[in-house]
């Protein structure tokens, strides 16, 4: 018996569903798709994304921000002043 999740459980279909998942307005989803800012793809005319891929994407962004010192700066804004 496989422990892998079903693709359907990982797939988010449509701008409205992506909007609910990310907590963004649908217009922002369309913009992010058009500008290729997030790892979305299309099936027919439907914008789709995978929960696992989006989690990885945001983890990478957070890691880059941490490496650049941005996360520490949010905790202590005075650390930005040089």
N, C-alpha and C. Protein backbone atom coordinates (compact mmCIF):
# COMPACT_ATOMS: atom_id res chain seq x y z
N UNK A 1 0.85 -1.19 0.00
CA UNK A 1 0.00 0.00 0.00
C UNK A 1 0.89 1.26 0.00
N UNK A 2 0.62 2.15 -0.91
CA UNK A 2 1.42 3.36 -1.07
C UNK A 2 1.04 4.41 -0.03
N UNK A 3 2.05 5.09 0.49
CA UNK A 3 1.80 6.18 1.44
C UNK A 3 1.85 7.53 0.76
N UNK A 4 2.15 7.53 -0.54
CA UNK A 4 2.19 8.78 -1.29
C UNK A 4 0.79 9.39 -1.36
N UNK A 5 0.70 10.72 -1.17
CA UNK A 5 -0.62 11.35 -1.29
C UNK A 5 -1.09 11.34 -2.74
N UNK A 6 -2.38 11.35 -2.91
CA UNK A 6 -2.95 11.42 -4.26
C UNK A 6 -2.63 12.77 -4.87
N UNK A 7 -2.43 12.77 -6.18
CA UNK A 7 -2.18 14.03 -6.89
C UNK A 7 -3.34 14.99 -6.66
N UNK A 8 -4.55 14.46 -6.67
CA UNK A 8 -5.73 15.31 -6.49
C UNK A 8 -5.71 16.04 -5.15
N UNK A 9 -5.11 15.42 -4.13
CA UNK A 9 -5.04 16.06 -2.81
C UNK A 9 -4.02 17.20 -2.80
N UNK A 10 -3.06 17.15 -3.71
CA UNK A 10 -2.01 18.16 -3.77
C UNK A 10 -2.32 19.28 -4.76
N UNK A 11 -3.20 19.00 -5.71
CA UNK A 11 -3.50 19.92 -6.80
C UNK A 11 -4.53 20.97 -6.37
N UNK A 12 -4.26 22.21 -6.71
CA UNK A 12 -5.20 23.31 -6.48
C UNK A 12 -5.60 23.81 -7.86
N UNK A 13 -6.89 23.73 -8.16
CA UNK A 13 -7.38 24.07 -9.51
C UNK A 13 -8.20 25.36 -9.48
N UNK A 14 -7.74 26.35 -10.24
CA UNK A 14 -8.49 27.57 -10.41
C UNK A 14 -7.98 28.72 -9.56
N UNK A 15 -8.16 29.92 -10.08
CA UNK A 15 -7.69 31.12 -9.40
C UNK A 15 -8.41 31.32 -8.07
N UNK A 16 -9.70 30.99 -8.01
CA UNK A 16 -10.44 31.16 -6.75
C UNK A 16 -9.92 30.21 -5.68
N UNK A 17 -9.64 28.97 -6.06
CA UNK A 17 -9.10 27.99 -5.10
C UNK A 17 -7.70 28.39 -4.65
N UNK A 18 -6.88 28.85 -5.60
CA UNK A 18 -5.54 29.33 -5.25
C UNK A 18 -5.63 30.55 -4.34
N UNK A 19 -6.60 31.40 -4.61
CA UNK A 19 -6.82 32.59 -3.80
C UNK A 19 -7.15 32.21 -2.35
N UNK A 20 -8.04 31.24 -2.18
CA UNK A 20 -8.39 30.78 -0.83
C UNK A 20 -7.18 30.15 -0.14
N UNK A 21 -6.42 29.36 -0.88
CA UNK A 21 -5.26 28.66 -0.31
C UNK A 21 -4.18 29.64 0.15
N UNK A 22 -3.92 30.67 -0.65
CA UNK A 22 -2.86 31.62 -0.33
C UNK A 22 -3.34 32.83 0.47
N UNK A 23 -4.65 33.04 0.52
CA UNK A 23 -5.18 34.20 1.23
C UNK A 23 -4.97 35.50 0.47
N UNK A 24 -4.92 35.38 -0.84
CA UNK A 24 -4.74 36.54 -1.71
C UNK A 24 -6.00 36.77 -2.52
N UNK A 25 -6.23 38.00 -2.98
CA UNK A 25 -7.37 38.22 -3.88
C UNK A 25 -7.10 37.54 -5.23
N UNK A 26 -8.16 37.10 -5.91
CA UNK A 26 -7.99 36.43 -7.20
C UNK A 26 -7.18 37.25 -8.21
N UNK A 27 -7.35 38.56 -8.21
CA UNK A 27 -6.61 39.40 -9.17
C UNK A 27 -5.10 39.24 -8.98
N UNK A 28 -4.68 39.11 -7.74
CA UNK A 28 -3.26 38.92 -7.45
C UNK A 28 -2.76 37.57 -7.97
N UNK A 29 -3.62 36.57 -7.93
CA UNK A 29 -3.28 35.25 -8.47
C UNK A 29 -3.05 35.37 -9.97
N UNK A 30 -3.97 36.03 -10.67
CA UNK A 30 -3.83 36.21 -12.12
C UNK A 30 -2.54 36.97 -12.45
N UNK A 31 -2.25 38.00 -11.67
CA UNK A 31 -1.03 38.79 -11.90
C UNK A 31 0.22 37.94 -11.67
N UNK A 32 0.25 37.18 -10.58
CA UNK A 32 1.40 36.32 -10.28
C UNK A 32 1.59 35.28 -11.38
N UNK A 33 0.49 34.78 -11.92
CA UNK A 33 0.57 33.81 -13.02
C UNK A 33 1.13 34.47 -14.28
N UNK A 34 0.58 35.64 -14.62
CA UNK A 34 1.01 36.35 -15.84
C UNK A 34 2.48 36.74 -15.78
N UNK A 35 2.95 37.11 -14.59
CA UNK A 35 4.35 37.54 -14.42
C UNK A 35 5.28 36.39 -14.07
N UNK A 36 4.73 35.19 -14.00
CA UNK A 36 5.52 33.98 -13.66
C UNK A 36 6.25 34.15 -12.33
N UNK A 37 5.56 34.73 -11.35
CA UNK A 37 6.15 34.95 -10.04
C UNK A 37 6.04 33.72 -9.14
N UNK A 38 5.08 32.86 -9.43
CA UNK A 38 4.88 31.66 -8.63
C UNK A 38 4.82 30.44 -9.54
N UNK A 39 5.10 29.27 -9.01
CA UNK A 39 5.11 28.06 -9.84
C UNK A 39 3.71 27.55 -10.16
N UNK A 40 2.96 28.34 -10.92
CA UNK A 40 1.64 27.94 -11.40
C UNK A 40 1.79 27.35 -12.80
N UNK A 41 0.78 26.63 -13.22
CA UNK A 41 0.73 26.11 -14.58
C UNK A 41 -0.72 26.08 -15.02
N UNK A 42 -0.93 25.81 -16.28
CA UNK A 42 -2.29 25.81 -16.82
C UNK A 42 -2.66 24.44 -17.33
N UNK A 43 -3.89 24.05 -17.05
CA UNK A 43 -4.50 22.88 -17.67
C UNK A 43 -5.70 23.44 -18.43
N UNK A 44 -5.60 23.46 -19.75
CA UNK A 44 -6.61 24.15 -20.55
C UNK A 44 -6.52 25.63 -20.25
N UNK A 45 -7.63 26.20 -19.79
CA UNK A 45 -7.65 27.63 -19.43
C UNK A 45 -7.60 27.83 -17.91
N UNK A 46 -7.43 26.75 -17.17
CA UNK A 46 -7.47 26.81 -15.71
C UNK A 46 -6.06 26.93 -15.12
N UNK A 47 -5.85 27.95 -14.30
CA UNK A 47 -4.59 28.12 -13.58
C UNK A 47 -4.57 27.11 -12.44
N UNK A 48 -3.45 26.41 -12.30
CA UNK A 48 -3.32 25.40 -11.26
C UNK A 48 -2.00 25.57 -10.52
N UNK A 49 -1.94 24.97 -9.37
CA UNK A 49 -0.71 24.93 -8.58
C UNK A 49 -0.75 23.70 -7.70
N UNK A 50 0.40 23.32 -7.19
CA UNK A 50 0.48 22.19 -6.27
C UNK A 50 0.86 22.71 -4.89
N UNK A 51 0.16 22.25 -3.88
CA UNK A 51 0.46 22.67 -2.52
C UNK A 51 1.93 22.42 -2.18
N UNK A 52 2.41 21.24 -2.50
CA UNK A 52 3.79 20.88 -2.16
C UNK A 52 4.80 21.79 -2.87
N UNK A 53 4.55 22.10 -4.12
CA UNK A 53 5.46 22.96 -4.88
C UNK A 53 5.43 24.39 -4.33
N UNK A 54 4.24 24.87 -3.99
CA UNK A 54 4.13 26.22 -3.43
C UNK A 54 4.82 26.30 -2.07
N UNK A 55 4.68 25.25 -1.24
CA UNK A 55 5.38 25.24 0.06
C UNK A 55 6.88 25.31 -0.15
N UNK A 56 7.39 24.51 -1.08
CA UNK A 56 8.83 24.53 -1.38
C UNK A 56 9.27 25.90 -1.87
N UNK A 57 8.47 26.49 -2.76
CA UNK A 57 8.79 27.80 -3.32
C UNK A 57 8.90 28.86 -2.22
N UNK A 58 7.90 28.89 -1.32
CA UNK A 58 7.91 29.88 -0.25
C UNK A 58 9.03 29.60 0.75
N UNK A 59 9.35 28.34 0.98
CA UNK A 59 10.47 28.00 1.88
C UNK A 59 11.78 28.51 1.29
N UNK A 60 11.95 28.39 -0.03
CA UNK A 60 13.16 28.90 -0.67
C UNK A 60 13.23 30.42 -0.57
N UNK A 61 12.11 31.09 -0.78
CA UNK A 61 12.08 32.55 -0.65
C UNK A 61 12.43 32.98 0.77
N UNK A 62 11.87 32.26 1.74
CA UNK A 62 12.15 32.58 3.14
C UNK A 62 13.62 32.33 3.47
N UNK A 63 14.17 31.27 2.93
CA UNK A 63 15.58 30.95 3.15
C UNK A 63 16.49 32.03 2.57
N UNK A 64 16.14 32.52 1.37
CA UNK A 64 16.93 33.60 0.75
C UNK A 64 16.83 34.88 1.59
N UNK A 65 15.63 35.16 2.08
CA UNK A 65 15.44 36.36 2.91
C UNK A 65 16.23 36.23 4.20
N UNK A 66 16.27 35.04 4.76
CA UNK A 66 17.02 34.80 5.99
C UNK A 66 18.51 34.99 5.73
N UNK A 67 18.99 34.46 4.61
CA UNK A 67 20.41 34.59 4.26
C UNK A 67 20.79 36.05 4.04
N UNK A 68 19.85 36.83 3.54
CA UNK A 68 20.12 38.25 3.29
C UNK A 68 19.94 39.10 4.55
N UNK A 69 19.51 38.47 5.63
CA UNK A 69 19.33 39.20 6.88
C UNK A 69 17.99 39.86 7.05
N UNK A 70 17.07 39.64 6.12
CA UNK A 70 15.78 40.32 6.20
C UNK A 70 14.92 39.81 7.34
N UNK A 71 14.98 38.52 7.65
CA UNK A 71 14.14 38.00 8.74
C UNK A 71 14.62 38.54 10.09
N UNK A 72 15.91 38.61 10.27
CA UNK A 72 16.45 39.17 11.51
C UNK A 72 16.07 40.64 11.62
N UNK A 73 16.08 41.34 10.49
CA UNK A 73 15.74 42.76 10.49
C UNK A 73 14.28 42.98 10.86
N UNK A 74 13.41 42.05 10.49
CA UNK A 74 12.01 42.18 10.87
C UNK A 74 11.86 42.03 12.38
N UNK A 75 12.64 41.16 12.98
CA UNK A 75 12.59 40.97 14.41
C UNK A 75 13.21 42.16 15.14
N UNK A 76 14.26 42.73 14.54
CA UNK A 76 14.97 43.86 15.14
C UNK A 76 15.29 44.89 14.05
N UNK A 77 14.36 45.82 13.76
CA UNK A 77 14.56 46.78 12.68
C UNK A 77 15.83 47.62 12.83
N UNK A 78 16.32 47.80 14.04
CA UNK A 78 17.54 48.60 14.21
C UNK A 78 18.76 47.92 13.60
N UNK A 79 18.66 46.60 13.32
CA UNK A 79 19.80 45.90 12.73
C UNK A 79 20.03 46.30 11.27
N UNK A 80 19.06 46.97 10.65
CA UNK A 80 19.22 47.42 9.27
C UNK A 80 20.05 48.69 9.18
N UNK A 81 20.00 49.49 10.20
CA UNK A 81 20.76 50.76 10.15
C UNK A 81 22.24 50.46 10.28
N UNK A 82 23.01 51.06 9.42
CA UNK A 82 24.41 50.70 9.38
C UNK A 82 25.26 51.74 9.91
